[in-house]
Amino acid sequence: MAAFARTLRHLFAPSAAGSFPDPALARIGEAIAAGERLHDGEVVFAVEAGLPAGEAWRGAAPRARAEDVFARLRVWDTRADNGVLLYLLLADHAIEIVADRGLHGRVTGAEWEAVCAAVRERLLAGDDEAAAVEGVARISALLAAHFPATGEARDELPDRPVRL
């Protein structure tokens, strides 16, 4: 019964465009670009209303989906292995951060969880755009601490958020 209920929740999840319309995505993209001026990492924001029915039925975990999106959007494909994905799965109220291997041992799980908690707090307050901008800013601060900007012009991944 739980699989059926979850599948329905994902099938009938309101569109991510309702929570994140194009103007909001543009402002989140601007926040990504501003943050990337402070560090040499790459930040990607992706939001998805619900999983495809088959994945929801099989019980696919939000983390597994985030890792798939990380790979599909090629967030791993940076010179310094320092790409970070901030992923929201609206139907499950899930917030996932997937960081490339260059950040392992530098940023702790507690630091990533603090970012998720800040995003969650803003989402619960009903300010979806501000939640994403807050998450991007906090991720950028962590990246700036470990991969400060060198002044070298580089932008390896698009700053435009992705609505799946």
C-alpha atoms as a PDB file:
ATOM      1  CA  MET A   1       0.000   0.000   0.000  1.00  0.00           C
ATOM      2  CA  ALA A   2       2.873   2.397   0.785  1.00  0.00           C
ATOM      3  CA  ALA A   3       4.371   1.909  -2.687  1.00  0.00           C
ATOM      4  CA  PHE A   4       1.006   2.664  -4.282  1.00  0.00           C
ATOM      5  CA  ALA A   5       0.520   5.809  -2.205  1.00  0.00           C
ATOM      6  CA  ARG A   6       4.034   7.019  -2.969  1.00  0.00           C
ATOM      7  CA  THR A   7       3.596   6.357  -6.679  1.00  0.00           C
ATOM      8  CA  LEU A   8       0.383   8.375  -6.702  1.00  0.00           C
ATOM      9  CA  ARG A   9       2.059  11.198  -4.777  1.00  0.00           C
ATOM     10  CA  HIS A  10       4.816  11.323  -7.390  1.00  0.00           C
ATOM     11  CA  LEU A  11       2.477  11.002 -10.369  1.00  0.00           C
ATOM     12  CA  PHE A  12       0.268  13.832  -9.172  1.00  0.00           C
ATOM     13  CA  ALA A  13       2.945  16.059  -7.665  1.00  0.00           C
ATOM     14  CA  PRO A  14       2.409  19.694  -8.623  1.00  0.00           C
ATOM     15  CA  SER A  15       4.782  20.818 -11.327  1.00  0.00           C
ATOM     16  CA  ALA A  16       8.173  22.083 -10.231  1.00  0.00           C
ATOM     17  CA  ALA A  17       7.415  25.110 -12.422  1.00  0.00           C
ATOM     18  CA  GLY A  18       4.830  26.162  -9.849  1.00  0.00           C
ATOM     19  CA  SER A  19       7.407  26.315  -7.078  1.00  0.00           C
ATOM     20  CA  PHE A  20      10.267  27.362  -9.321  1.00  0.00           C
ATOM     21  CA  PRO A  21       8.979  29.412 -12.282  1.00  0.00           C
ATOM     22  CA  ASP A  22      11.409  30.699 -14.904  1.00  0.00           C
ATOM     23  CA  PRO A  23      12.052  34.077 -13.185  1.00  0.00           C
ATOM     24  CA  ALA A  24      12.936  32.259  -9.948  1.00  0.00           C
ATOM     25  CA  LEU A  25      15.277  29.926 -11.828  1.00  0.00           C
ATOM     26  CA  ALA A  26      16.956  32.960 -13.383  1.00  0.00           C
ATOM     27  CA  ARG A  27      17.550  34.496  -9.940  1.00  0.00           C
ATOM     28  CA  ILE A  28      18.876  31.196  -8.586  1.00  0.00           C
ATOM     29  CA  GLY A  29      21.207  31.063 -11.600  1.00  0.00           C
ATOM     30  CA  GLU A  30      22.408  34.571 -10.738  1.00  0.00           C
ATOM     31  CA  ALA A  31      23.110  33.393  -7.176  1.00  0.00           C
ATOM     32  CA  ILE A  32      25.114  30.471  -8.553  1.00  0.00           C
ATOM     33  CA  ALA A  33      27.148  32.812 -10.783  1.00  0.00           C
ATOM     34  CA  ALA A  34      27.747  35.234  -7.887  1.00  0.00           C
ATOM     35  CA  GLY A  35      28.865  32.399  -5.627  1.00  0.00           C
ATOM     36  CA  GLU A  36      31.188  30.992  -8.242  1.00  0.00           C
ATOM     37  CA  ARG A  37      33.040  34.303  -8.355  1.00  0.00           C
ATOM     38  CA  LEU A  38      34.141  33.480  -4.785  1.00  0.00           C
ATOM     39  CA  HIS A  39      35.472  29.993  -5.467  1.00  0.00           C
ATOM     40  CA  ASP A  40      36.772  27.683  -8.158  1.00  0.00           C
ATOM     41  CA  GLY A  41      34.110  25.032  -7.640  1.00  0.00           C
ATOM     42  CA  GLU A  42      30.923  24.424  -9.576  1.00  0.00           C
ATOM     43  CA  VAL A  43      27.412  24.487  -8.132  1.00  0.00           C
ATOM     44  CA  VAL A  44      24.380  23.001  -9.870  1.00  0.00           C
ATOM     45  CA  PHE A  45      20.787  23.312  -8.670  1.00  0.00           C
ATOM     46  CA  ALA A  46      18.191  20.793  -9.871  1.00  0.00           C
ATOM     47  CA  VAL A  47      14.565  20.414  -8.842  1.00  0.00           C
ATOM     48  CA  GLU A  48      12.162  17.618  -9.671  1.00  0.00           C
ATOM     49  CA  ALA A  49       8.459  17.464  -8.846  1.00  0.00           C
ATOM     50  CA  GLY A  50       8.258  13.685  -8.660  1.00  0.00           C
ATOM     51  CA  LEU A  51       9.989  10.539  -9.770  1.00  0.00           C
ATOM     52  CA  PRO A  52       8.882   8.621 -12.832  1.00  0.00           C
ATOM     53  CA  ALA A  53       6.144   6.163 -11.818  1.00  0.00           C
ATOM     54  CA  GLY A  54       8.330   3.063 -12.123  1.00  0.00           C
ATOM     55  CA  GLU A  55      11.032   4.499  -9.911  1.00  0.00           C
ATOM     56  CA  ALA A  56       8.532   5.674  -7.314  1.00  0.00           C
ATOM     57  CA  TRP A  57       6.868   2.238  -7.303  1.00  0.00           C
ATOM     58  CA  ARG A  58      10.218   0.457  -6.889  1.00  0.00           C
ATOM     59  CA  GLY A  59      10.956   2.704  -3.911  1.00  0.00           C
ATOM     60  CA  ALA A  60      13.870   4.576  -5.443  1.00  0.00           C
ATOM     61  CA  ALA A  61      15.476   6.665  -2.737  1.00  0.00           C
ATOM     62  CA  PRO A  62      15.876  10.409  -3.228  1.00  0.00           C
ATOM     63  CA  ARG A  63      19.617  10.002  -2.625  1.00  0.00           C
ATOM     64  CA  ALA A  64      19.951   7.472  -5.433  1.00  0.00           C
ATOM     65  CA  ARG A  65      18.022   9.762  -7.758  1.00  0.00           C
ATOM     66  CA  ALA A  66      20.236  12.710  -6.770  1.00  0.00           C
ATOM     67  CA  GLU A  67      23.328  10.662  -7.547  1.00  0.00           C
ATOM     68  CA  ASP A  68      21.848   9.766 -10.932  1.00  0.00           C
ATOM     69  CA  VAL A  69      21.118  13.441 -11.643  1.00  0.00           C
ATOM     70  CA  PHE A  70      24.661  14.326 -10.508  1.00  0.00           C
ATOM     71  CA  ALA A  71      26.015  11.943 -13.142  1.00  0.00           C
ATOM     72  CA  ARG A  72      23.500  12.859 -15.835  1.00  0.00           C
ATOM     73  CA  LEU A  73      24.216  16.590 -15.481  1.00  0.00           C
ATOM     74  CA  ARG A  74      27.952  15.805 -15.438  1.00  0.00           C
ATOM     75  CA  VAL A  75      28.518  17.637 -12.145  1.00  0.00           C
ATOM     76  CA  TRP A  76      31.432  15.249 -11.608  1.00  0.00           C
ATOM     77  CA  ASP A  77      33.094  16.551 -14.768  1.00  0.00           C
ATOM     78  CA  THR A  78      35.204  19.370 -13.313  1.00  0.00           C
ATOM     79  CA  ARG A  79      38.954  19.746 -13.420  1.00  0.00           C
ATOM     80  CA  ALA A  80      39.360  19.811  -9.624  1.00  0.00           C
ATOM     81  CA  ASP A  81      36.581  17.292  -8.879  1.00  0.00           C
ATOM     82  CA  ASN A  82      34.761  19.966  -6.892  1.00  0.00           C
ATOM     83  CA  GLY A  83      31.276  20.078  -8.336  1.00  0.00           C
ATOM     84  CA  VAL A  84      28.297  20.118  -5.976  1.00  0.00           C
ATOM     85  CA  LEU A  85      24.665  19.325  -6.773  1.00  0.00           C
ATOM     86  CA  LEU A  86      21.830  20.739  -4.682  1.00  0.00           C
ATOM     87  CA  TYR A  87      18.831  18.546  -5.560  1.00  0.00           C
ATOM     88  CA  LEU A  88      15.222  18.914  -4.437  1.00  0.00           C
ATOM     89  CA  LEU A  89      12.639  16.164  -4.896  1.00  0.00           C
ATOM     90  CA  LEU A  90       9.407  17.960  -4.109  1.00  0.00           C
ATOM     91  CA  ALA A  91       7.065  14.948  -3.829  1.00  0.00           C
ATOM     92  CA  ASP A  92       9.225  13.479  -1.050  1.00  0.00           C
ATOM     93  CA  HIS A  93      10.211  16.828   0.490  1.00  0.00           C
ATOM     94  CA  ALA A  94      13.780  15.630  -0.012  1.00  0.00           C
ATOM     95  CA  ILE A  95      16.881  17.794  -0.089  1.00  0.00           C
ATOM     96  CA  GLU A  96      20.065  16.109  -1.232  1.00  0.00           C
ATOM     97  CA  ILE A  97      23.576  17.411  -1.705  1.00  0.00           C
ATOM     98  CA  VAL A  98      25.954  15.361  -3.809  1.00  0.00           C
ATOM     99  CA  ALA A  99      29.560  16.535  -3.750  1.00  0.00           C
ATOM    100  CA  ASP A 100      32.352  15.340  -5.970  1.00  0.00           C
ATOM    101  CA  ARG A 101      35.334  13.472  -4.561  1.00  0.00           C
ATOM    102  CA  GLY A 102      37.510  16.587  -4.333  1.00  0.00           C
ATOM    103  CA  LEU A 103      35.384  17.692  -1.387  1.00  0.00           C
ATOM    104  CA  HIS A 104      35.530  14.428   0.551  1.00  0.00           C
ATOM    105  CA  GLY A 105      37.563  14.905   3.690  1.00  0.00           C
ATOM    106  CA  ARG A 106      37.286  18.680   3.366  1.00  0.00           C
ATOM    107  CA  VAL A 107      33.602  19.308   4.050  1.00  0.00           C
ATOM    108  CA  THR A 108      32.002  17.235   6.800  1.00  0.00           C
ATOM    109  CA  GLY A 109      28.651  15.531   6.708  1.00  0.00           C
ATOM    110  CA  ALA A 110      27.518  17.893   9.466  1.00  0.00           C
ATOM    111  CA  GLU A 111      28.353  20.900   7.285  1.00  0.00           C
ATOM    112  CA  TRP A 112      26.331  19.515   4.378  1.00  0.00           C
ATOM    113  CA  GLU A 113      23.472  18.704   6.753  1.00  0.00           C
ATOM    114  CA  ALA A 114      23.532  22.300   8.030  1.00  0.00           C
ATOM    115  CA  VAL A 115      23.019  23.470   4.456  1.00  0.00           C
ATOM    116  CA  CYS A 116      20.094  21.053   4.058  1.00  0.00           C
ATOM    117  CA  ALA A 117      18.591  22.248   7.356  1.00  0.00           C
ATOM    118  CA  ALA A 118      18.746  25.889   6.233  1.00  0.00           C
ATOM    119  CA  VAL A 119      17.097  24.999   2.910  1.00  0.00           C
ATOM    120  CA  ARG A 120      14.445  22.926   4.694  1.00  0.00           C
ATOM    121  CA  GLU A 121      13.643  25.801   7.050  1.00  0.00           C
ATOM    122  CA  ARG A 122      13.072  28.208   4.146  1.00  0.00           C
ATOM    123  CA  LEU A 123      11.010  25.636   2.238  1.00  0.00           C
ATOM    124  CA  LEU A 124       8.791  25.080   5.264  1.00  0.00           C
ATOM    125  CA  ALA A 125       8.312  28.842   5.491  1.00  0.00           C
ATOM    126  CA  GLY A 126       6.969  28.698   1.930  1.00  0.00           C
ATOM    127  CA  ASP A 127       9.767  30.614   0.228  1.00  0.00           C
ATOM    128  CA  ASP A 128      11.056  28.125  -2.322  1.00  0.00           C
ATOM    129  CA  GLU A 129      13.241  30.542  -4.269  1.00  0.00           C
ATOM    130  CA  ALA A 130      14.870  31.902  -1.101  1.00  0.00           C
ATOM    131  CA  ALA A 131      15.478  28.320   0.040  1.00  0.00           C
ATOM    132  CA  ALA A 132      17.413  27.532  -3.121  1.00  0.00           C
ATOM    133  CA  VAL A 133      19.347  30.819  -2.999  1.00  0.00           C
ATOM    134  CA  GLU A 134      20.215  30.174   0.661  1.00  0.00           C
ATOM    135  CA  GLY A 135      21.447  26.675  -0.190  1.00  0.00           C
ATOM    136  CA  VAL A 136      23.540  27.958  -3.082  1.00  0.00           C
ATOM    137  CA  ALA A 137      25.062  30.686  -0.893  1.00  0.00           C
ATOM    138  CA  ARG A 138      25.959  28.247   1.875  1.00  0.00           C
ATOM    139  CA  ILE A 139      27.454  25.758  -0.566  1.00  0.00           C
ATOM    140  CA  SER A 140      29.432  28.585  -2.165  1.00  0.00           C
ATOM    141  CA  ALA A 141      30.783  29.607   1.245  1.00  0.00           C
ATOM    142  CA  LEU A 142      31.987  26.042   1.865  1.00  0.00           C
ATOM    143  CA  LEU A 143      33.577  25.888  -1.573  1.00  0.00           C
ATOM    144  CA  ALA A 144      35.245  29.281  -1.047  1.00  0.00           C
ATOM    145  CA  ALA A 145      36.831  27.971   2.155  1.00  0.00           C
ATOM    146  CA  HIS A 146      38.372  24.987   0.364  1.00  0.00           C
ATOM    147  CA  PHE A 147      38.688  26.151  -3.243  1.00  0.00           C
ATOM    148  CA  PRO A 148      39.023  29.943  -3.119  1.00  0.00           C
ATOM    149  CA  ALA A 149      38.821  31.843  -6.384  1.00  0.00           C
ATOM    150  CA  THR A 150      42.158  32.028  -8.155  1.00  0.00           C
ATOM    151  CA  GLY A 151      41.121  34.722 -10.572  1.00  0.00           C
ATOM    152  CA  GLU A 152      41.379  32.307 -13.461  1.00  0.00           C
ATOM    153  CA  ALA A 153      38.319  32.692 -15.667  1.00  0.00           C
ATOM    154  CA  ARG A 154      36.540  29.370 -15.814  1.00  0.00           C
ATOM    155  CA  ASP A 155      32.983  28.219 -15.715  1.00  0.00           C
ATOM    156  CA  GLU A 156      32.901  24.528 -16.392  1.00  0.00           C
ATOM    157  CA  LEU A 157      29.161  23.919 -15.925  1.00  0.00           C
ATOM    158  CA  PRO A 158      26.114  26.033 -16.763  1.00  0.00           C
ATOM    159  CA  ASP A 159      24.821  28.236 -13.967  1.00  0.00           C
ATOM    160  CA  ARG A 160      21.204  27.860 -15.098  1.00  0.00           C
ATOM    161  CA  PRO A 161      19.228  25.661 -12.701  1.00  0.00           C
ATOM    162  CA  VAL A 162      17.620  22.533 -14.068  1.00  0.00           C
ATOM    163  CA  ARG A 163      13.960  21.664 -13.714  1.00  0.00           C
ATOM    164  CA  LEU A 164      13.599  17.909 -14.314  1.00  0.00           C
END
